Amino acid sequence: VVGEGKVQEIALTAQTLGASLVVFDRDLS
């Protein structure tokens, strides 16, 4: 859905904030 760099940013943000769930505002395959 998003680019490779943004995926890494999401992973880093989730790790930094201690997120347990990532929710996308659109349907995913």
ModelCIF file with pLDDT and N, C-alpha, C, O atoms, coordinates in Angstrom:
data_MODEL
#
_entry.id   MODEL 
#
_entity.id                         1 
_entity.type                       polymer 
_entity.pdbx_number_of_molecules   1 
#
_entity_poly.entity_id                      1 
_entity_poly.type                           'polypeptide(L)' 
_entity_poly.nstd_linkage                   no 
_entity_poly.nstd_monomer                   no 
_entity_poly.pdbx_seq_one_letter_code       VVGEGKVQEIALTAQTLGASLVVFDRDLS 
_entity_poly.pdbx_seq_one_letter_code_can   VVGEGKVQEIALTAQTLGASLVVFDRDLS 
_entity_poly.pdbx_strand_id                 A 
#
loop_
_entity_poly_seq.entity_id 
_entity_poly_seq.num 
_entity_poly_seq.mon_id 
_entity_poly_seq.hetero 
1 1  VAL n 
1 2  VAL n 
1 3  GLY n 
1 4  GLU n 
1 5  GLY n 
1 6  LYS n 
1 7  VAL n 
1 8  GLN n 
1 9  GLU n 
1 10 ILE n 
1 11 ALA n 
1 12 LEU n 
1 13 THR n 
1 14 ALA n 
1 15 GLN n 
1 16 THR n 
1 17 LEU n 
1 18 GLY n 
1 19 ALA n 
1 20 SER n 
1 21 LEU n 
1 22 VAL n 
1 23 VAL n 
1 24 PHE n 
1 25 ASP n 
1 26 ARG n 
1 27 ASP n 
1 28 LEU n 
1 29 SER n 
#
_struct_asym.id          A 
_struct_asym.entity_id   1 
#
loop_
_ma_qa_metric.id 
_ma_qa_metric.mode 
_ma_qa_metric.name 
_ma_qa_metric.software_group_id 
_ma_qa_metric.type 
1 global pLDDT . pLDDT 
2 local  pLDDT . pLDDT 
#
_ma_qa_metric_global.metric_id      1 
_ma_qa_metric_global.metric_value   87.59 
_ma_qa_metric_global.model_id       1 
_ma_qa_metric_global.ordinal_id     1 
#
loop_
_ma_qa_metric_local.label_asym_id 
_ma_qa_metric_local.label_comp_id 
_ma_qa_metric_local.label_seq_id 
_ma_qa_metric_local.metric_id 
_ma_qa_metric_local.metric_value 
_ma_qa_metric_local.model_id 
_ma_qa_metric_local.ordinal_id 
A VAL 1  2 94.00 1 1  
A VAL 2  2 93.00 1 2  
A GLY 3  2 91.00 1 3  
A GLU 4  2 87.00 1 4  
A GLY 5  2 87.00 1 5  
A LYS 6  2 91.00 1 6  
A VAL 7  2 91.00 1 7  
A GLN 8  2 85.00 1 8  
A GLU 9  2 88.00 1 9  
A ILE 10 2 91.00 1 10 
A ALA 11 2 87.00 1 11 
A LEU 12 2 83.00 1 12 
A THR 13 2 85.00 1 13 
A ALA 14 2 85.00 1 14 
A GLN 15 2 77.00 1 15 
A THR 16 2 75.00 1 16 
A LEU 17 2 80.00 1 17 
A GLY 18 2 78.00 1 18 
A ALA 19 2 85.00 1 19 
A SER 20 2 86.00 1 20 
A LEU 21 2 91.00 1 21 
A VAL 22 2 94.00 1 22 
A VAL 23 2 94.00 1 23 
A PHE 24 2 95.00 1 24 
A ASP 25 2 92.00 1 25 
A ARG 26 2 89.00 1 26 
A ASP 27 2 88.00 1 27 
A LEU 28 2 90.00 1 28 
A SER 29 2 88.00 1 29 
#
loop_
_atom_site.group_PDB 
_atom_site.id 
_atom_site.type_symbol 
_atom_site.label_atom_id 
_atom_site.label_alt_id 
_atom_site.label_comp_id 
_atom_site.label_asym_id 
_atom_site.label_entity_id 
_atom_site.label_seq_id 
_atom_site.pdbx_PDB_ins_code 
_atom_site.Cartn_x 
_atom_site.Cartn_y 
_atom_site.Cartn_z 
_atom_site.occupancy 
_atom_site.B_iso_or_equiv 
_atom_site.pdbx_formal_charge 
_atom_site.auth_seq_id 
_atom_site.auth_comp_id 
_atom_site.auth_asym_id 
_atom_site.auth_atom_id 
_atom_site.pdbx_PDB_model_num 
ATOM 1   N N  . VAL A 1 1  ? 0.833  -1.211 0.000  1.00 94.00 ? 1  VAL A N  1 
ATOM 2   C CA . VAL A 1 1  ? 0.000  0.000  0.000  1.00 94.00 ? 1  VAL A CA 1 
ATOM 3   C C  . VAL A 1 1  ? 0.864  1.256  0.000  1.00 94.00 ? 1  VAL A C  1 
ATOM 4   O O  . VAL A 1 1  ? 0.741  2.089  -0.898 1.00 94.00 ? 1  VAL A O  1 
ATOM 5   N N  . VAL A 1 2  ? 1.743  1.403  1.003  1.00 93.00 ? 2  VAL A N  1 
ATOM 6   C CA . VAL A 1 2  ? 2.663  2.536  1.074  1.00 93.00 ? 2  VAL A CA 1 
ATOM 7   C C  . VAL A 1 2  ? 4.032  2.103  0.550  1.00 93.00 ? 2  VAL A C  1 
ATOM 8   O O  . VAL A 1 2  ? 4.267  0.916  0.323  1.00 93.00 ? 2  VAL A O  1 
ATOM 9   N N  . GLY A 1 3  ? 4.931  3.068  0.358  1.00 91.00 ? 3  GLY A N  1 
ATOM 10  C CA . GLY A 1 3  ? 6.251  2.763  -0.169 1.00 91.00 ? 3  GLY A CA 1 
ATOM 11  C C  . GLY A 1 3  ? 7.154  2.088  0.858  1.00 91.00 ? 3  GLY A C  1 
ATOM 12  O O  . GLY A 1 3  ? 6.837  2.046  2.047  1.00 91.00 ? 3  GLY A O  1 
ATOM 13  N N  . GLU A 1 4  ? 8.271  1.567  0.389  1.00 87.00 ? 4  GLU A N  1 
ATOM 14  C CA . GLU A 1 4  ? 9.197  0.837  1.260  1.00 87.00 ? 4  GLU A CA 1 
ATOM 15  C C  . GLU A 1 4  ? 9.704  1.700  2.403  1.00 87.00 ? 4  GLU A C  1 
ATOM 16  O O  . GLU A 1 4  ? 9.770  1.253  3.548  1.00 87.00 ? 4  GLU A O  1 
ATOM 17  N N  . GLY A 1 5  ? 10.063 2.941  2.085  1.00 87.00 ? 5  GLY A N  1 
ATOM 18  C CA . GLY A 1 5  ? 10.563 3.824  3.130  1.00 87.00 ? 5  GLY A CA 1 
ATOM 19  C C  . GLY A 1 5  ? 9.504  4.115  4.188  1.00 87.00 ? 5  GLY A C  1 
ATOM 20  O O  . GLY A 1 5  ? 9.812  4.197  5.377  1.00 87.00 ? 5  GLY A O  1 
ATOM 21  N N  . LYS A 1 6  ? 8.253  4.273  3.750  1.00 91.00 ? 6  LYS A N  1 
ATOM 22  C CA . LYS A 1 6  ? 7.171  4.547  4.701  1.00 91.00 ? 6  LYS A CA 1 
ATOM 23  C C  . LYS A 1 6  ? 6.880  3.312  5.560  1.00 91.00 ? 6  LYS A C  1 
ATOM 24  O O  . LYS A 1 6  ? 6.517  3.439  6.729  1.00 91.00 ? 6  LYS A O  1 
ATOM 25  N N  . VAL A 1 7  ? 7.038  2.130  4.985  1.00 91.00 ? 7  VAL A N  1 
ATOM 26  C CA . VAL A 1 7  ? 6.864  0.907  5.777  1.00 91.00 ? 7  VAL A CA 1 
ATOM 27  C C  . VAL A 1 7  ? 7.884  0.871  6.906  1.00 91.00 ? 7  VAL A C  1 
ATOM 28  O O  . VAL A 1 7  ? 7.557  0.514  8.038  1.00 91.00 ? 7  VAL A O  1 
ATOM 29  N N  . GLN A 1 8  ? 9.129  1.245  6.592  1.00 85.00 ? 8  GLN A N  1 
ATOM 30  C CA . GLN A 1 8  ? 10.167 1.284  7.618  1.00 85.00 ? 8  GLN A CA 1 
ATOM 31  C C  . GLN A 1 8  ? 9.851  2.330  8.680  1.00 85.00 ? 8  GLN A C  1 
ATOM 32  O O  . GLN A 1 8  ? 10.082 2.113  9.869  1.00 85.00 ? 8  GLN A O  1 
ATOM 33  N N  . GLU A 1 9  ? 9.317  3.469  8.236  1.00 88.00 ? 9  GLU A N  1 
ATOM 34  C CA . GLU A 1 9  ? 8.942  4.510  9.198  1.00 88.00 ? 9  GLU A CA 1 
ATOM 35  C C  . GLU A 1 9  ? 7.821  4.024  10.116 1.00 88.00 ? 9  GLU A C  1 
ATOM 36  O O  . GLU A 1 9  ? 7.845  4.265  11.323 1.00 88.00 ? 9  GLU A O  1 
ATOM 37  N N  . ILE A 1 10 ? 6.838  3.336  9.529  1.00 91.00 ? 10 ILE A N  1 
ATOM 38  C CA . ILE A 1 10 ? 5.744  2.784  10.334 1.00 91.00 ? 10 ILE A CA 1 
ATOM 39  C C  . ILE A 1 10 ? 6.270  1.786  11.343 1.00 91.00 ? 10 ILE A C  1 
ATOM 40  O O  . ILE A 1 10 ? 5.878  1.801  12.510 1.00 91.00 ? 10 ILE A O  1 
ATOM 41  N N  . ALA A 1 11 ? 7.176  0.903  10.880 1.00 87.00 ? 11 ALA A N  1 
ATOM 42  C CA . ALA A 1 11 ? 7.747  -0.096 11.786 1.00 87.00 ? 11 ALA A CA 1 
ATOM 43  C C  . ALA A 1 11 ? 8.508  0.563  12.927 1.00 87.00 ? 11 ALA A C  1 
ATOM 44  O O  . ALA A 1 11 ? 8.401  0.146  14.080 1.00 87.00 ? 11 ALA A O  1 
ATOM 45  N N  . LEU A 1 12 ? 9.278  1.599  12.596 1.00 83.00 ? 12 LEU A N  1 
ATOM 46  C CA . LEU A 1 12 ? 10.053 2.303  13.612 1.00 83.00 ? 12 LEU A CA 1 
ATOM 47  C C  . LEU A 1 12 ? 9.126  3.027  14.596 1.00 83.00 ? 12 LEU A C  1 
ATOM 48  O O  . LEU A 1 12 ? 9.349  2.991  15.807 1.00 83.00 ? 12 LEU A O  1 
ATOM 49  N N  . THR A 1 13 ? 8.096  3.678  14.071 1.00 85.00 ? 13 THR A N  1 
ATOM 50  C CA . THR A 1 13 ? 7.161  4.395  14.936 1.00 85.00 ? 13 THR A CA 1 
ATOM 51  C C  . THR A 1 13 ? 6.417  3.425  15.849 1.00 85.00 ? 13 THR A C  1 
ATOM 52  O O  . THR A 1 13 ? 6.237  3.692  17.037 1.00 85.00 ? 13 THR A O  1 
ATOM 53  N N  . ALA A 1 14 ? 5.983  2.292  15.283 1.00 85.00 ? 14 ALA A N  1 
ATOM 54  C CA . ALA A 1 14 ? 5.289  1.288  16.094 1.00 85.00 ? 14 ALA A CA 1 
ATOM 55  C C  . ALA A 1 14 ? 6.191  0.764  17.202 1.00 85.00 ? 14 ALA A C  1 
ATOM 56  O O  . ALA A 1 14 ? 5.747  0.562  18.332 1.00 85.00 ? 14 ALA A O  1 
ATOM 57  N N  . GLN A 1 15 ? 7.460  0.546  16.870 1.00 77.00 ? 15 GLN A N  1 
ATOM 58  C CA . GLN A 1 15 ? 8.414  0.045  17.867 1.00 77.00 ? 15 GLN A CA 1 
ATOM 59  C C  . GLN A 1 15 ? 8.678  1.105  18.928 1.00 77.00 ? 15 GLN A C  1 
ATOM 60  O O  . GLN A 1 15 ? 8.711  0.807  20.122 1.00 77.00 ? 15 GLN A O  1 
ATOM 61  N N  . THR A 1 16 ? 8.867  2.344  18.485 1.00 75.00 ? 16 THR A N  1 
ATOM 62  C CA . THR A 1 16 ? 9.182  3.421  19.411 1.00 75.00 ? 16 THR A CA 1 
ATOM 63  C C  . THR A 1 16 ? 8.039  3.698  20.389 1.00 75.00 ? 16 THR A C  1 
ATOM 64  O O  . THR A 1 16 ? 8.270  3.922  21.577 1.00 75.00 ? 16 THR A O  1 
ATOM 65  N N  . LEU A 1 17 ? 6.811  3.682  19.880 1.00 80.00 ? 17 LEU A N  1 
ATOM 66  C CA . LEU A 1 17 ? 5.655  4.010  20.710 1.00 80.00 ? 17 LEU A CA 1 
ATOM 67  C C  . LEU A 1 17 ? 5.079  2.798  21.434 1.00 80.00 ? 17 LEU A C  1 
ATOM 68  O O  . LEU A 1 17 ? 4.197  2.942  22.280 1.00 80.00 ? 17 LEU A O  1 
ATOM 69  N N  . GLY A 1 18 ? 5.572  1.606  21.109 1.00 78.00 ? 18 GLY A N  1 
ATOM 70  C CA . GLY A 1 18 ? 5.034  0.406  21.740 1.00 78.00 ? 18 GLY A CA 1 
ATOM 71  C C  . GLY A 1 18 ? 3.644  0.066  21.243 1.00 78.00 ? 18 GLY A C  1 
ATOM 72  O O  . GLY A 1 18 ? 2.816  -0.421 22.012 1.00 78.00 ? 18 GLY A O  1 
ATOM 73  N N  . ALA A 1 19 ? 3.369  0.320  19.946 1.00 85.00 ? 19 ALA A N  1 
ATOM 74  C CA . ALA A 1 19 ? 2.055  0.011  19.378 1.00 85.00 ? 19 ALA A CA 1 
ATOM 75  C C  . ALA A 1 19 ? 1.862  -1.498 19.278 1.00 85.00 ? 19 ALA A C  1 
ATOM 76  O O  . ALA A 1 19 ? 2.796  -2.239 18.970 1.00 85.00 ? 19 ALA A O  1 
ATOM 77  N N  . SER A 1 20 ? 0.627  -1.943 19.545 1.00 86.00 ? 20 SER A N  1 
ATOM 78  C CA . SER A 1 20 ? 0.301  -3.367 19.425 1.00 86.00 ? 20 SER A CA 1 
ATOM 79  C C  . SER A 1 20 ? -0.557 -3.646 18.204 1.00 86.00 ? 20 SER A C  1 
ATOM 80  O O  . SER A 1 20 ? -0.822 -4.807 17.891 1.00 86.00 ? 20 SER A O  1 
ATOM 81  N N  . LEU A 1 21 ? -0.998 -2.599 17.506 1.00 91.00 ? 21 LEU A N  1 
ATOM 82  C CA . LEU A 1 21 ? -1.868 -2.771 16.347 1.00 91.00 ? 21 LEU A CA 1 
ATOM 83  C C  . LEU A 1 21 ? -1.669 -1.608 15.389 1.00 91.00 ? 21 LEU A C  1 
ATOM 84  O O  . LEU A 1 21 ? -1.540 -0.458 15.810 1.00 91.00 ? 21 LEU A O  1 
ATOM 85  N N  . VAL A 1 22 ? -1.645 -1.919 14.089 1.00 94.00 ? 22 VAL A N  1 
ATOM 86  C CA . VAL A 1 22 ? -1.570 -0.903 13.037 1.00 94.00 ? 22 VAL A CA 1 
ATOM 87  C C  . VAL A 1 22 ? -2.856 -0.993 12.224 1.00 94.00 ? 22 VAL A C  1 
ATOM 88  O O  . VAL A 1 22 ? -3.221 -2.067 11.746 1.00 94.00 ? 22 VAL A O  1 
ATOM 89  N N  . VAL A 1 23 ? -3.552 0.156  12.067 1.00 94.00 ? 23 VAL A N  1 
ATOM 90  C CA . VAL A 1 23 ? -4.839 0.182  11.371 1.00 94.00 ? 23 VAL A CA 1 
ATOM 91  C C  . VAL A 1 23 ? -4.720 1.081  10.141 1.00 94.00 ? 23 VAL A C  1 
ATOM 92  O O  . VAL A 1 23 ? -4.352 2.250  10.254 1.00 94.00 ? 23 VAL A O  1 
ATOM 93  N N  . PHE A 1 24 ? -5.036 0.528  8.962  1.00 95.00 ? 24 PHE A N  1 
ATOM 94  C CA . PHE A 1 24 ? -5.021 1.290  7.709  1.00 95.00 ? 24 PHE A CA 1 
ATOM 95  C C  . PHE A 1 24 ? -6.423 1.800  7.404  1.00 95.00 ? 24 PHE A C  1 
ATOM 96  O O  . PHE A 1 24 ? -7.411 1.099  7.622  1.00 95.00 ? 24 PHE A O  1 
ATOM 97  N N  . ASP A 1 25 ? -6.499 3.033  6.897  1.00 92.00 ? 25 ASP A N  1 
ATOM 98  C CA . ASP A 1 25 ? -7.786 3.648  6.579  1.00 92.00 ? 25 ASP A CA 1 
ATOM 99  C C  . ASP A 1 25 ? -8.229 3.267  5.164  1.00 92.00 ? 25 ASP A C  1 
ATOM 100 O O  . ASP A 1 25 ? -8.612 4.134  4.378  1.00 92.00 ? 25 ASP A O  1 
ATOM 101 N N  . ARG A 1 26 ? -8.180 2.004  4.847  1.00 89.00 ? 26 ARG A N  1 
ATOM 102 C CA . ARG A 1 26 ? -8.651 1.481  3.568  1.00 89.00 ? 26 ARG A CA 1 
ATOM 103 C C  . ARG A 1 26 ? -8.635 -0.035 3.646  1.00 89.00 ? 26 ARG A C  1 
ATOM 104 O O  . ARG A 1 26 ? -8.003 -0.609 4.533  1.00 89.00 ? 26 ARG A O  1 
ATOM 105 N N  . ASP A 1 27 ? -9.320 -0.676 2.735  1.00 88.00 ? 27 ASP A N  1 
ATOM 106 C CA . ASP A 1 27 ? -9.322 -2.134 2.740  1.00 88.00 ? 27 ASP A CA 1 
ATOM 107 C C  . ASP A 1 27 ? -7.991 -2.662 2.234  1.00 88.00 ? 27 ASP A C  1 
ATOM 108 O O  . ASP A 1 27 ? -7.413 -2.117 1.293  1.00 88.00 ? 27 ASP A O  1 
ATOM 109 N N  . LEU A 1 28 ? -7.510 -3.723 2.862  1.00 90.00 ? 28 LEU A N  1 
ATOM 110 C CA . LEU A 1 28 ? -6.244 -4.353 2.500  1.00 90.00 ? 28 LEU A CA 1 
ATOM 111 C C  . LEU A 1 28 ? -6.498 -5.751 1.962  1.00 90.00 ? 28 LEU A C  1 
ATOM 112 O O  . LEU A 1 28 ? -7.404 -6.446 2.421  1.00 90.00 ? 28 LEU A O  1 
ATOM 113 N N  . SER A 1 29 ? -5.700 -6.156 0.992  1.00 88.00 ? 29 SER A N  1 
ATOM 114 C CA . SER A 1 29 ? -5.793 -7.525 0.497  1.00 88.00 ? 29 SER A CA 1 
ATOM 115 C C  . SER A 1 29 ? -5.050 -8.450 1.460  1.00 88.00 ? 29 SER A C  1 
ATOM 116 O O  . SER A 1 29 ? -4.998 -9.660 1.237  1.00 88.00 ? 29 SER A O  1 
#
